[in-house]
Amino acid sequence: MNESYKRNELRLLNVATGLTVVYAVAAVIIALISDSMTMLLDGAYSVIDMFVSFAAVLVVRKLNEPPNEKYHFGYAKLEPLMTAADGLLLLFLCFMSITLAVQDLIHPDPVEHVGAILVFTAISVFLCLGMGLYMRYAGKKWRSEILVTDSKLWLMEGTVSLGVCTAFSIGWIMKQYPNWEQYTSYVDPLTCIAIALLFIVSPFKILRNSLSDLTDACPPKEIMDRVSGLAQFCCEKHGLAAVEWLRLRKSGRRLYMDVRFEAQQDYDIKTIDKIRHDIKSDLKHELPELDVLLEFAVKNAAVNGTLNSSNADYANKTRGTDS
């Protein structure tokens, strides 16, 4: 990610954090005055989103810091760690909401100030869906997993608001008919359960992706195919014999690759070193967030070359060695 993208990413996260604080406060106030379980779920979700937004700003600032003597590979692990914590919080919120909503079904209470809920959720639909779509677009363009994850929270919030607005509109219509009015107290807990069940899929997906990064699992197939294709392209471009093996792991936005090329028998050290630098330029041009360890194997000999990104180079300097 270039410097312009990093600045824009941090700026967008700051804007999202400010909007999240305003939204969370408003949602909690509406939940308290209306005594609505669904709005309480919406408010609790907004509070979690607020803390996640604050954490995201701090994490992005750390991600942009260079490696040091204690963290030779930088702070890339903070990104999946934060998204994993977010997934756990959402999962806990879903289970708690379902439990409380079931209690409300057993002992239903009428919801007050339905008009205020309808106005708030109608505004929320446009705000949250708009922010979510823009953050998803920006996250994919700038290769920011934090923005992509945060966009899911905004889109989920917008979906919740749409569901709440629809459900309470139906409840308000039911109140106009005496034969149906007795059932309006069930609209709130049933809506809360439906939304929680809709939510519960997303935390599992977030946790799965985050744990894969934290445990250095193999990245998704599309990433593997792209990196393997680049390695094969470099092999053919520079006249190398073959790609002997390739290992890849992912940590948030960063990729770490260990690859071994089979070189031609008549290549000398100087030629290998030039190829090493050329491959570095090719890979960094296509994947700026890639750290690579390059090895070259020659028949009856082995020539090892280390190809590091700026982060790894900095870490080497802290140990007083040359890459």
C-alpha atoms as a PDB file:
ATOM      1  CA  MET A   1       0.000   0.000   0.000  1.00  0.00           C
ATOM      2  CA  ASN A   2       1.510   3.329  -1.049  1.00  0.00           C
ATOM      3  CA  GLU A   3       1.716   6.367   1.222  1.00  0.00           C
ATOM      4  CA  SER A   4      -1.309   8.068  -0.377  1.00  0.00           C
ATOM      5  CA  TYR A   5      -3.478   5.011   0.253  1.00  0.00           C
ATOM      6  CA  LYS A   6      -2.238   4.781   3.853  1.00  0.00           C
ATOM      7  CA  ARG A   7      -3.199   8.405   4.537  1.00  0.00           C
ATOM      8  CA  ASN A   8      -6.611   7.964   2.909  1.00  0.00           C
ATOM      9  CA  GLU A   9      -7.201   4.753   4.855  1.00  0.00           C
ATOM     10  CA  LEU A  10      -6.494   6.467   8.184  1.00  0.00           C
ATOM     11  CA  ARG A  11      -8.611   9.484   7.213  1.00  0.00           C
ATOM     12  CA  LEU A  12     -11.584   7.281   6.278  1.00  0.00           C
ATOM     13  CA  LEU A  13     -11.275   5.328   9.539  1.00  0.00           C
ATOM     14  CA  ASN A  14     -11.310   8.589  11.512  1.00  0.00           C
ATOM     15  CA  VAL A  15     -14.494   9.707   9.720  1.00  0.00           C
ATOM     16  CA  ALA A  16     -16.105   6.307  10.295  1.00  0.00           C
ATOM     17  CA  THR A  17     -15.168   6.430  13.981  1.00  0.00           C
ATOM     18  CA  GLY A  18     -16.788   9.845  14.432  1.00  0.00           C
ATOM     19  CA  LEU A  19     -19.998   8.711  12.734  1.00  0.00           C
ATOM     20  CA  THR A  20     -20.005   5.506  14.785  1.00  0.00           C
ATOM     21  CA  VAL A  21     -19.829   7.429  18.076  1.00  0.00           C
ATOM     22  CA  VAL A  22     -22.766   9.658  17.093  1.00  0.00           C
ATOM     23  CA  TYR A  23     -24.773   6.685  15.863  1.00  0.00           C
ATOM     24  CA  ALA A  24     -24.065   4.557  18.954  1.00  0.00           C
ATOM     25  CA  VAL A  25     -25.160   7.315  21.353  1.00  0.00           C
ATOM     26  CA  ALA A  26     -28.364   7.922  19.374  1.00  0.00           C
ATOM     27  CA  ALA A  27     -29.165   4.186  19.157  1.00  0.00           C
ATOM     28  CA  VAL A  28     -28.731   3.664  22.908  1.00  0.00           C
ATOM     29  CA  ILE A  29     -30.958   6.672  23.699  1.00  0.00           C
ATOM     30  CA  ILE A  30     -33.703   5.394  21.365  1.00  0.00           C
ATOM     31  CA  ALA A  31     -33.429   1.906  22.905  1.00  0.00           C
ATOM     32  CA  LEU A  32     -33.820   3.268  26.446  1.00  0.00           C
ATOM     33  CA  ILE A  33     -36.832   5.489  25.747  1.00  0.00           C
ATOM     34  CA  SER A  34     -38.623   2.863  23.621  1.00  0.00           C
ATOM     35  CA  ASP A  35     -37.898  -0.189  25.815  1.00  0.00           C
ATOM     36  CA  SER A  36     -37.322  -2.181  22.619  1.00  0.00           C
ATOM     37  CA  MET A  37     -35.205  -5.340  22.676  1.00  0.00           C
ATOM     38  CA  THR A  38     -34.421  -4.944  18.982  1.00  0.00           C
ATOM     39  CA  MET A  39     -33.229  -1.379  19.457  1.00  0.00           C
ATOM     40  CA  LEU A  40     -31.189  -2.530  22.462  1.00  0.00           C
ATOM     41  CA  LEU A  41     -29.492  -5.062  20.157  1.00  0.00           C
ATOM     42  CA  ASP A  42     -28.915  -2.290  17.626  1.00  0.00           C
ATOM     43  CA  GLY A  43     -27.480  -0.032  20.330  1.00  0.00           C
ATOM     44  CA  ALA A  44     -25.200  -2.738  21.739  1.00  0.00           C
ATOM     45  CA  TYR A  45     -23.979  -3.554  18.248  1.00  0.00           C
ATOM     46  CA  SER A  46     -23.254   0.141  17.655  1.00  0.00           C
ATOM     47  CA  VAL A  47     -21.241   0.373  20.878  1.00  0.00           C
ATOM     48  CA  ILE A  48     -19.152  -2.643  19.808  1.00  0.00           C
ATOM     49  CA  ASP A  49     -18.695  -1.067  16.396  1.00  0.00           C
ATOM     50  CA  MET A  50     -17.546   2.138  18.096  1.00  0.00           C
ATOM     51  CA  PHE A  51     -14.814   0.367  20.075  1.00  0.00           C
ATOM     52  CA  VAL A  52     -13.786  -1.583  16.968  1.00  0.00           C
ATOM     53  CA  SER A  53     -13.455   1.693  15.048  1.00  0.00           C
ATOM     54  CA  PHE A  54     -11.206   3.163  17.748  1.00  0.00           C
ATOM     55  CA  ALA A  55      -9.109  -0.016  17.729  1.00  0.00           C
ATOM     56  CA  ALA A  56      -8.902   0.039  13.929  1.00  0.00           C
ATOM     57  CA  VAL A  57      -7.399   3.536  13.940  1.00  0.00           C
ATOM     58  CA  LEU A  58      -4.749   2.475  16.470  1.00  0.00           C
ATOM     59  CA  VAL A  59      -3.959  -0.729  14.576  1.00  0.00           C
ATOM     60  CA  VAL A  60      -3.553   1.063  11.244  1.00  0.00           C
ATOM     61  CA  ARG A  61      -1.118   3.502  12.839  1.00  0.00           C
ATOM     62  CA  LYS A  62       0.933   0.591  14.185  1.00  0.00           C
ATOM     63  CA  LEU A  63       0.832  -1.185  10.828  1.00  0.00           C
ATOM     64  CA  ASN A  64       2.421   1.840   9.201  1.00  0.00           C
ATOM     65  CA  GLU A  65       5.330   1.810  11.667  1.00  0.00           C
ATOM     66  CA  PRO A  66       8.577   0.138  10.533  1.00  0.00           C
ATOM     67  CA  PRO A  67       9.899  -3.047  12.190  1.00  0.00           C
ATOM     68  CA  ASN A  68      12.132  -2.680  15.220  1.00  0.00           C
ATOM     69  CA  GLU A  69      14.464  -4.749  17.389  1.00  0.00           C
ATOM     70  CA  LYS A  70      11.546  -6.462  19.137  1.00  0.00           C
ATOM     71  CA  TYR A  71       9.256  -6.934  16.110  1.00  0.00           C
ATOM     72  CA  HIS A  72      11.480  -7.819  13.152  1.00  0.00           C
ATOM     73  CA  PHE A  73       8.480  -8.460  10.883  1.00  0.00           C
ATOM     74  CA  GLY A  74       6.485  -5.393  11.926  1.00  0.00           C
ATOM     75  CA  TYR A  75       2.956  -5.408  13.321  1.00  0.00           C
ATOM     76  CA  ALA A  76       1.087  -7.246  10.555  1.00  0.00           C
ATOM     77  CA  LYS A  77      -0.418  -9.773  13.019  1.00  0.00           C
ATOM     78  CA  LEU A  78      -2.365  -6.988  14.742  1.00  0.00           C
ATOM     79  CA  GLU A  79      -4.746  -6.807  11.785  1.00  0.00           C
ATOM     80  CA  PRO A  80      -6.115 -10.394  11.973  1.00  0.00           C
ATOM     81  CA  LEU A  81      -5.947 -10.234  15.782  1.00  0.00           C
ATOM     82  CA  MET A  82      -8.269  -7.222  15.809  1.00  0.00           C
ATOM     83  CA  THR A  83     -10.724  -8.745  13.338  1.00  0.00           C
ATOM     84  CA  ALA A  84     -10.784 -11.986  15.376  1.00  0.00           C
ATOM     85  CA  ALA A  85     -11.677 -10.037  18.528  1.00  0.00           C
ATOM     86  CA  ASP A  86     -14.400  -8.282  16.562  1.00  0.00           C
ATOM     87  CA  GLY A  87     -15.816 -11.631  15.438  1.00  0.00           C
ATOM     88  CA  LEU A  88     -15.883 -12.983  19.003  1.00  0.00           C
ATOM     89  CA  LEU A  89     -17.706  -9.884  20.276  1.00  0.00           C
ATOM     90  CA  LEU A  90     -20.326 -10.132  17.530  1.00  0.00           C
ATOM     91  CA  LEU A  91     -20.836 -13.828  18.230  1.00  0.00           C
ATOM     92  CA  PHE A  92     -21.343 -13.159  21.949  1.00  0.00           C
ATOM     93  CA  LEU A  93     -23.794 -10.354  21.134  1.00  0.00           C
ATOM     94  CA  CYS A  94     -25.856 -12.621  18.865  1.00  0.00           C
ATOM     95  CA  PHE A  95     -26.225 -15.366  21.489  1.00  0.00           C
ATOM     96  CA  MET A  96     -27.087 -12.875  24.232  1.00  0.00           C
ATOM     97  CA  SER A  97     -29.682 -11.171  22.030  1.00  0.00           C
ATOM     98  CA  ILE A  98     -31.401 -14.459  21.212  1.00  0.00           C
ATOM     99  CA  THR A  99     -31.512 -15.399  24.913  1.00  0.00           C
ATOM    100  CA  LEU A 100     -33.043 -12.068  25.960  1.00  0.00           C
ATOM    101  CA  ALA A 101     -35.494 -12.076  23.042  1.00  0.00           C
ATOM    102  CA  VAL A 102     -36.773 -15.532  24.002  1.00  0.00           C
ATOM    103  CA  GLN A 103     -37.433 -14.205  27.514  1.00  0.00           C
ATOM    104  CA  ASP A 104     -39.368 -11.329  25.955  1.00  0.00           C
ATOM    105  CA  LEU A 105     -41.468 -13.788  23.966  1.00  0.00           C
ATOM    106  CA  ILE A 106     -42.442 -15.532  27.195  1.00  0.00           C
ATOM    107  CA  HIS A 107     -43.251 -12.218  28.909  1.00  0.00           C
ATOM    108  CA  PRO A 108     -44.004  -9.735  26.093  1.00  0.00           C
ATOM    109  CA  ASP A 109     -43.998  -5.995  26.799  1.00  0.00           C
ATOM    110  CA  PRO A 110     -45.354  -3.251  24.521  1.00  0.00           C
ATOM    111  CA  VAL A 111     -42.841  -1.008  22.754  1.00  0.00           C
ATOM    112  CA  GLU A 112     -43.141   2.744  23.267  1.00  0.00           C
ATOM    113  CA  HIS A 113     -42.401   5.624  20.859  1.00  0.00           C
ATOM    114  CA  VAL A 114     -42.643   3.562  17.679  1.00  0.00           C
ATOM    115  CA  GLY A 115     -42.553   6.766  15.616  1.00  0.00           C
ATOM    116  CA  ALA A 116     -39.094   7.678  16.931  1.00  0.00           C
ATOM    117  CA  ILE A 117     -37.836   4.199  16.079  1.00  0.00           C
ATOM    118  CA  LEU A 118     -39.159   4.445  12.515  1.00  0.00           C
ATOM    119  CA  VAL A 119     -37.528   7.844  11.900  1.00  0.00           C
ATOM    120  CA  PHE A 120     -34.193   6.761  13.396  1.00  0.00           C
ATOM    121  CA  THR A 121     -34.012   3.471  11.489  1.00  0.00           C
ATOM    122  CA  ALA A 122     -35.027   5.094   8.188  1.00  0.00           C
ATOM    123  CA  ILE A 123     -32.121   7.559   8.466  1.00  0.00           C
ATOM    124  CA  SER A 124     -29.832   4.763   9.621  1.00  0.00           C
ATOM    125  CA  VAL A 125     -30.523   2.645   6.523  1.00  0.00           C
ATOM    126  CA  PHE A 126     -29.153   5.275   4.140  1.00  0.00           C
ATOM    127  CA  LEU A 127     -26.232   6.270   6.391  1.00  0.00           C
ATOM    128  CA  CYS A 128     -25.007   2.750   7.167  1.00  0.00           C
ATOM    129  CA  LEU A 129     -25.470   1.235   3.720  1.00  0.00           C
ATOM    130  CA  GLY A 130     -23.798   4.256   2.112  1.00  0.00           C
ATOM    131  CA  MET A 131     -20.779   4.081   4.442  1.00  0.00           C
ATOM    132  CA  GLY A 132     -20.576   0.300   4.127  1.00  0.00           C
ATOM    133  CA  LEU A 133     -20.552   0.281   0.325  1.00  0.00           C
ATOM    134  CA  TYR A 134     -17.966   3.063   0.128  1.00  0.00           C
ATOM    135  CA  MET A 135     -15.671   1.443   2.723  1.00  0.00           C
ATOM    136  CA  ARG A 136     -15.886  -1.904   0.932  1.00  0.00           C
ATOM    137  CA  TYR A 137     -14.923  -0.232  -2.351  1.00  0.00           C
ATOM    138  CA  ALA A 138     -12.048   1.646  -0.681  1.00  0.00           C
ATOM    139  CA  GLY A 139     -10.864  -1.446   1.200  1.00  0.00           C
ATOM    140  CA  LYS A 140     -10.591  -3.518  -1.974  1.00  0.00           C
ATOM    141  CA  LYS A 141      -8.941  -0.681  -3.888  1.00  0.00           C
ATOM    142  CA  TRP A 142      -6.394   0.023  -1.135  1.00  0.00           C
ATOM    143  CA  ARG A 143      -5.994  -3.658  -0.110  1.00  0.00           C
ATOM    144  CA  SER A 144      -7.035  -2.930   3.469  1.00  0.00           C
ATOM    145  CA  GLU A 145      -8.596  -5.853   5.358  1.00  0.00           C
ATOM    146  CA  ILE A 146      -9.498  -3.527   8.215  1.00  0.00           C
ATOM    147  CA  LEU A 147     -11.631  -1.375   5.904  1.00  0.00           C
ATOM    148  CA  VAL A 148     -13.236  -4.450   4.340  1.00  0.00           C
ATOM    149  CA  THR A 149     -14.085  -5.867   7.784  1.00  0.00           C
ATOM    150  CA  ASP A 150     -15.381  -2.497   8.992  1.00  0.00           C
ATOM    151  CA  SER A 151     -17.513  -2.219   5.852  1.00  0.00           C
ATOM    152  CA  LYS A 152     -19.199  -5.502   6.791  1.00  0.00           C
ATOM    153  CA  LEU A 153     -20.129  -4.004  10.166  1.00  0.00           C
ATOM    154  CA  TRP A 154     -21.687  -0.960   8.487  1.00  0.00           C
ATOM    155  CA  LEU A 155     -23.556  -3.106   5.963  1.00  0.00           C
ATOM    156  CA  MET A 156     -24.825  -5.360   8.746  1.00  0.00           C
ATOM    157  CA  GLU A 157     -25.933  -2.281  10.689  1.00  0.00           C
ATOM    158  CA  GLY A 158     -27.781  -0.998   7.629  1.00  0.00           C
ATOM    159  CA  THR A 159     -29.439  -4.381   7.133  1.00  0.00           C
ATOM    160  CA  VAL A 160     -30.510  -4.399  10.779  1.00  0.00           C
ATOM    161  CA  SER A 161     -31.991  -0.917  10.474  1.00  0.00           C
ATOM    162  CA  LEU A 162     -33.890  -1.940   7.345  1.00  0.00           C
ATOM    163  CA  GLY A 163     -35.269  -5.006   9.124  1.00  0.00           C
ATOM    164  CA  VAL A 164     -36.221  -3.018  12.231  1.00  0.00           C
ATOM    165  CA  CYS A 165     -37.890  -0.305  10.155  1.00  0.00           C
ATOM    166  CA  THR A 166     -39.878  -2.900   8.194  1.00  0.00           C
ATOM    167  CA  ALA A 167     -40.887  -4.885  11.291  1.00  0.00           C
ATOM    168  CA  PHE A 168     -42.052  -1.868  13.286  1.00  0.00           C
ATOM    169  CA  SER A 169     -43.899  -0.510  10.264  1.00  0.00           C
ATOM    170  CA  ILE A 170     -45.811  -3.790  10.156  1.00  0.00           C
ATOM    171  CA  GLY A 171     -46.377  -3.565  13.919  1.00  0.00           C
ATOM    172  CA  TRP A 172     -47.681  -0.005  13.599  1.00  0.00           C
ATOM    173  CA  ILE A 173     -50.114  -1.117  10.875  1.00  0.00           C
ATOM    174  CA  MET A 174     -51.273  -4.034  13.045  1.00  0.00           C
ATOM    175  CA  LYS A 175     -52.075  -1.596  15.852  1.00  0.00           C
ATOM    176  CA  GLN A 176     -54.657   0.044  13.633  1.00  0.00           C
ATOM    177  CA  TYR A 177     -56.706  -3.174  13.631  1.00  0.00           C
ATOM    178  CA  PRO A 178     -58.169  -4.261  17.014  1.00  0.00           C
ATOM    179  CA  ASN A 179     -58.078  -7.961  16.127  1.00  0.00           C
ATOM    180  CA  TRP A 180     -54.319  -7.813  15.514  1.00  0.00           C
ATOM    181  CA  GLU A 181     -53.253  -5.352  18.203  1.00  0.00           C
ATOM    182  CA  GLN A 182     -52.742  -8.097  20.799  1.00  0.00           C
ATOM    183  CA  TYR A 183     -49.955  -9.587  18.687  1.00  0.00           C
ATOM    184  CA  THR A 184     -47.896  -6.416  18.272  1.00  0.00           C
ATOM    185  CA  SER A 185     -45.898  -7.128  21.455  1.00  0.00           C
ATOM    186  CA  TYR A 186     -44.364 -10.153  19.725  1.00  0.00           C
ATOM    187  CA  VAL A 187     -43.041  -8.144  16.780  1.00  0.00           C
ATOM    188  CA  ASP A 188     -40.061  -6.765  18.729  1.00  0.00           C
ATOM    189  CA  PRO A 189     -38.601 -10.046  20.136  1.00  0.00           C
ATOM    190  CA  LEU A 190     -39.264 -11.967  16.911  1.00  0.00           C
ATOM    191  CA  THR A 191     -37.477  -9.270  14.919  1.00  0.00           C
ATOM    192  CA  CYS A 192     -34.573  -9.368  17.370  1.00  0.00           C
ATOM    193  CA  ILE A 193     -34.227 -13.158  16.990  1.00  0.00           C
ATOM    194  CA  ALA A 194     -34.413 -12.965  13.188  1.00  0.00           C
ATOM    195  CA  ILE A 195     -31.723 -10.273  13.042  1.00  0.00           C
ATOM    196  CA  ALA A 196     -29.450 -12.144  15.475  1.00  0.00           C
ATOM    197  CA  LEU A 197     -29.752 -15.316  13.368  1.00  0.00           C
ATOM    198  CA  LEU A 198     -28.906 -13.269  10.285  1.00  0.00           C
ATOM    199  CA  PHE A 199     -25.894 -11.776  12.082  1.00  0.00           C
ATOM    200  CA  ILE A 200     -24.519 -15.035  13.383  1.00  0.00           C
ATOM    201  CA  VAL A 201     -23.116 -16.168  10.021  1.00  0.00           C
ATOM    202  CA  SER A 202     -20.808 -13.159   9.627  1.00  0.00           C
ATOM    203  CA  PRO A 203     -18.808 -13.597  12.888  1.00  0.00           C
ATOM    204  CA  PHE A 204     -17.995 -17.198  11.945  1.00  0.00           C
ATOM    205  CA  LYS A 205     -16.656 -16.050   8.566  1.00  0.00           C
ATOM    206  CA  ILE A 206     -14.621 -13.279  10.200  1.00  0.00           C
ATOM    207  CA  LEU A 207     -13.182 -15.725  12.753  1.00  0.00           C
ATOM    208  CA  ARG A 208     -12.323 -18.298  10.086  1.00  0.00           C
ATOM    209  CA  ASN A 209     -10.376 -15.792   7.996  1.00  0.00           C
ATOM    210  CA  SER A 210      -8.655 -14.228  11.016  1.00  0.00           C
ATOM    211  CA  LEU A 211      -7.600 -17.557  12.521  1.00  0.00           C
ATOM    212  CA  SER A 212      -6.162 -18.619   9.164  1.00  0.00           C
ATOM    213  CA  ASP A 213      -3.919 -15.557   9.215  1.00  0.00           C
ATOM    214  CA  LEU A 214      -2.985 -15.965  12.876  1.00  0.00           C
ATOM    215  CA  THR A 215      -2.033 -19.637  12.438  1.00  0.00           C
ATOM    216  CA  ASP A 216      -0.084 -19.023   9.190  1.00  0.00           C
ATOM    217  CA  ALA A 217      -2.437 -21.208   7.180  1.00  0.00           C
ATOM    218  CA  CYS A 218      -2.265 -21.299   3.395  1.00  0.00           C
ATOM    219  CA  PRO A 219      -3.946 -18.187   1.901  1.00  0.00           C
ATOM    220  CA  PRO A 220      -7.126 -18.450  -0.220  1.00  0.00           C
ATOM    221  CA  LYS A 221      -6.830 -20.141  -3.610  1.00  0.00           C
ATOM    222  CA  GLU A 222      -7.093 -16.914  -5.616  1.00  0.00           C
ATOM    223  CA  ILE A 223      -4.085 -15.454  -3.762  1.00  0.00           C
ATOM    224  CA  MET A 224      -2.082 -18.674  -4.134  1.00  0.00           C
ATOM    225  CA  ASP A 225      -2.854 -18.832  -7.853  1.00  0.00           C
ATOM    226  CA  ARG A 226      -1.820 -15.220  -8.389  1.00  0.00           C
ATOM    227  CA  VAL A 227       1.463 -15.536  -6.491  1.00  0.00           C
ATOM    228  CA  SER A 228       2.277 -18.886  -8.121  1.00  0.00           C
ATOM    229  CA  GLY A 229       1.581 -17.345 -11.508  1.00  0.00           C
ATOM    230  CA  LEU A 230       3.913 -14.436 -10.752  1.00  0.00           C
ATOM    231  CA  ALA A 231       6.659 -16.823  -9.639  1.00  0.00           C
ATOM    232  CA  GLN A 232       6.287 -18.856 -12.826  1.00  0.00           C
ATOM    233  CA  PHE A 233       6.300 -15.665 -14.913  1.00  0.00           C
ATOM    234  CA  CYS A 234       9.547 -14.519 -13.253  1.00  0.00           C
ATOM    235  CA  CYS A 235      11.031 -17.961 -13.824  1.00  0.00           C
ATOM    236  CA  GLU A 236      10.329 -17.857 -17.558  1.00  0.00           C
ATOM    237  CA  LYS A 237      11.218 -14.175 -17.950  1.00  0.00           C
ATOM    238  CA  HIS A 238      14.704 -14.590 -16.474  1.00  0.00           C
ATOM    239  CA  GLY A 239      15.487 -17.923 -18.108  1.00  0.00           C
ATOM    240  CA  LEU A 240      15.424 -20.018 -14.943  1.00  0.00           C
ATOM    241  CA  ALA A 241      14.873 -23.764 -15.238  1.00  0.00           C
ATOM    242  CA  ALA A 242      11.911 -24.200 -12.872  1.00  0.00           C
ATOM    243  CA  VAL A 243      10.162 -23.221  -9.644  1.00  0.00           C
ATOM    244  CA  GLU A 244      11.202 -26.046  -7.307  1.00  0.00           C
ATOM    245  CA  TRP A 245       8.836 -25.118  -4.496  1.00  0.00           C
ATOM    246  CA  LEU A 246       6.913 -22.195  -3.086  1.00  0.00           C
ATOM    247  CA  ARG A 247       5.512 -21.536   0.380  1.00  0.00           C
ATOM    248  CA  LEU A 248       3.169 -18.684   1.191  1.00  0.00           C
ATOM    249  CA  ARG A 249       1.497 -17.303   4.292  1.00  0.00           C
ATOM    250  CA  LYS A 250      -0.686 -14.294   4.868  1.00  0.00           C
ATOM    251  CA  SER A 251      -0.907 -11.920   7.830  1.00  0.00           C
ATOM    252  CA  GLY A 252      -3.552  -9.265   7.342  1.00  0.00           C
ATOM    253  CA  ARG A 253      -2.550  -7.239   4.315  1.00  0.00           C
ATOM    254  CA  ARG A 254       0.987  -8.626   4.155  1.00  0.00           C
ATOM    255  CA  LEU A 255       2.147 -11.732   2.308  1.00  0.00           C
ATOM    256  CA  TYR A 256       5.289 -13.718   3.128  1.00  0.00           C
ATOM    257  CA  MET A 257       6.690 -15.973   0.414  1.00  0.00           C
ATOM    258  CA  ASP A 258       9.553 -18.478   0.471  1.00  0.00           C
ATOM    259  CA  VAL A 259      10.411 -19.661  -3.057  1.00  0.00           C
ATOM    260  CA  ARG A 260      13.219 -21.727  -4.556  1.00  0.00           C
ATOM    261  CA  PHE A 261      14.181 -21.483  -8.235  1.00  0.00           C
ATOM    262  CA  GLU A 262      16.309 -23.951 -10.166  1.00  0.00           C
ATOM    263  CA  ALA A 263      18.929 -21.942 -12.048  1.00  0.00           C
ATOM    264  CA  GLN A 264      20.796 -22.850 -15.206  1.00  0.00           C
ATOM    265  CA  GLN A 265      24.032 -24.748 -14.634  1.00  0.00           C
ATOM    266  CA  ASP A 266      26.202 -22.092 -16.285  1.00  0.00           C
ATOM    267  CA  TYR A 267      24.963 -19.143 -14.176  1.00  0.00           C
ATOM    268  CA  ASP A 268      27.598 -17.508 -12.005  1.00  0.00           C
ATOM    269  CA  ILE A 269      27.087 -15.616  -8.736  1.00  0.00           C
ATOM    270  CA  LYS A 270      27.017 -12.203 -10.423  1.00  0.00           C
ATOM    271  CA  THR A 271      24.297 -13.310 -12.852  1.00  0.00           C
ATOM    272  CA  ILE A 272      22.247 -14.851 -10.055  1.00  0.00           C
ATOM    273  CA  ASP A 273      22.515 -11.640  -8.034  1.00  0.00           C
ATOM    274  CA  LYS A 274      21.278  -9.564 -10.974  1.00  0.00           C
ATOM    275  CA  ILE A 275      18.338 -11.934 -11.496  1.00  0.00           C
ATOM    276  CA  ARG A 276      17.572 -11.672  -7.789  1.00  0.00           C
ATOM    277  CA  HIS A 277      17.291  -7.878  -7.974  1.00  0.00           C
ATOM    278  CA  ASP A 278      15.217  -8.035 -11.163  1.00  0.00           C
ATOM    279  CA  ILE A 279      12.766 -10.492  -9.618  1.00  0.00           C
ATOM    280  CA  LYS A 280      12.503  -8.238  -6.585  1.00  0.00           C
ATOM    281  CA  SER A 281      11.463  -5.324  -8.796  1.00  0.00           C
ATOM    282  CA  ASP A 282       8.914  -7.450 -10.663  1.00  0.00           C
ATOM    283  CA  LEU A 283       7.294  -8.852  -7.528  1.00  0.00           C
ATOM    284  CA  LYS A 284       7.230  -5.561  -5.610  1.00  0.00           C
ATOM    285  CA  HIS A 285       5.623  -3.858  -8.600  1.00  0.00           C
ATOM    286  CA  GLU A 286       2.753  -6.369  -8.633  1.00  0.00           C
ATOM    287  CA  LEU A 287       2.477  -6.983  -4.868  1.00  0.00           C
ATOM    288  CA  PRO A 288       3.801  -4.032  -2.803  1.00  0.00           C
ATOM    289  CA  GLU A 289       2.911  -5.774   0.492  1.00  0.00           C
ATOM    290  CA  LEU A 290       4.963  -8.887  -0.279  1.00  0.00           C
ATOM    291  CA  ASP A 291       8.024 -10.048   1.690  1.00  0.00           C
ATOM    292  CA  VAL A 292      10.030 -12.693  -0.163  1.00  0.00           C
ATOM    293  CA  LEU A 293      12.837 -15.096   0.667  1.00  0.00           C
ATOM    294  CA  LEU A 294      14.466 -16.174  -2.624  1.00  0.00           C
ATOM    295  CA  GLU A 295      16.678 -19.230  -3.038  1.00  0.00           C
ATOM    296  CA  PHE A 296      18.466 -20.449  -6.155  1.00  0.00           C
ATOM    297  CA  ALA A 297      19.567 -24.038  -6.670  1.00  0.00           C
ATOM    298  CA  VAL A 298      22.265 -24.913  -9.219  1.00  0.00           C
ATOM    299  CA  LYS A 299      23.272 -28.455 -10.085  1.00  0.00           C
ATOM    300  CA  ASN A 300      26.188 -29.568  -7.878  1.00  0.00           C
ATOM    301  CA  ALA A 301      25.945 -26.247  -5.992  1.00  0.00           C
ATOM    302  CA  ALA A 302      23.503 -24.015  -4.177  1.00  0.00           C
ATOM    303  CA  VAL A 303      23.370 -20.267  -4.429  1.00  0.00           C
ATOM    304  CA  ASN A 304      21.091 -18.702  -1.867  1.00  0.00           C
ATOM    305  CA  GLY A 305      19.814 -15.178  -2.262  1.00  0.00           C
ATOM    306  CA  THR A 306      17.628 -13.301   0.154  1.00  0.00           C
ATOM    307  CA  LEU A 307      15.064 -10.926  -1.280  1.00  0.00           C
ATOM    308  CA  ASN A 308      13.519  -8.713   1.377  1.00  0.00           C
ATOM    309  CA  SER A 309      10.981  -5.923   1.394  1.00  0.00           C
ATOM    310  CA  SER A 310      11.869  -2.628   3.051  1.00  0.00           C
ATOM    311  CA  ASN A 311      10.508  -3.958   6.350  1.00  0.00           C
ATOM    312  CA  ALA A 312      12.809  -6.966   6.348  1.00  0.00           C
ATOM    313  CA  ASP A 313      15.738  -4.810   5.261  1.00  0.00           C
ATOM    314  CA  TYR A 314      15.105  -2.533   8.234  1.00  0.00           C
ATOM    315  CA  ALA A 315      14.979  -5.520  10.577  1.00  0.00           C
ATOM    316  CA  ASN A 316      18.305  -6.721   9.215  1.00  0.00           C
ATOM    317  CA  LYS A 317      19.863  -3.338   9.921  1.00  0.00           C
ATOM    318  CA  THR A 318      18.747  -3.542  13.551  1.00  0.00           C
ATOM    319  CA  ARG A 319      20.776  -6.753  13.809  1.00  0.00           C
ATOM    320  CA  GLY A 320      23.756  -5.132  12.081  1.00  0.00           C
ATOM    321  CA  THR A 321      23.713  -7.443   9.030  1.00  0.00           C
ATOM    322  CA  ASP A 322      23.392  -6.839   5.307  1.00  0.00           C
ATOM    323  CA  SER A 323      20.648  -8.457   3.263  1.00  0.00           C
END
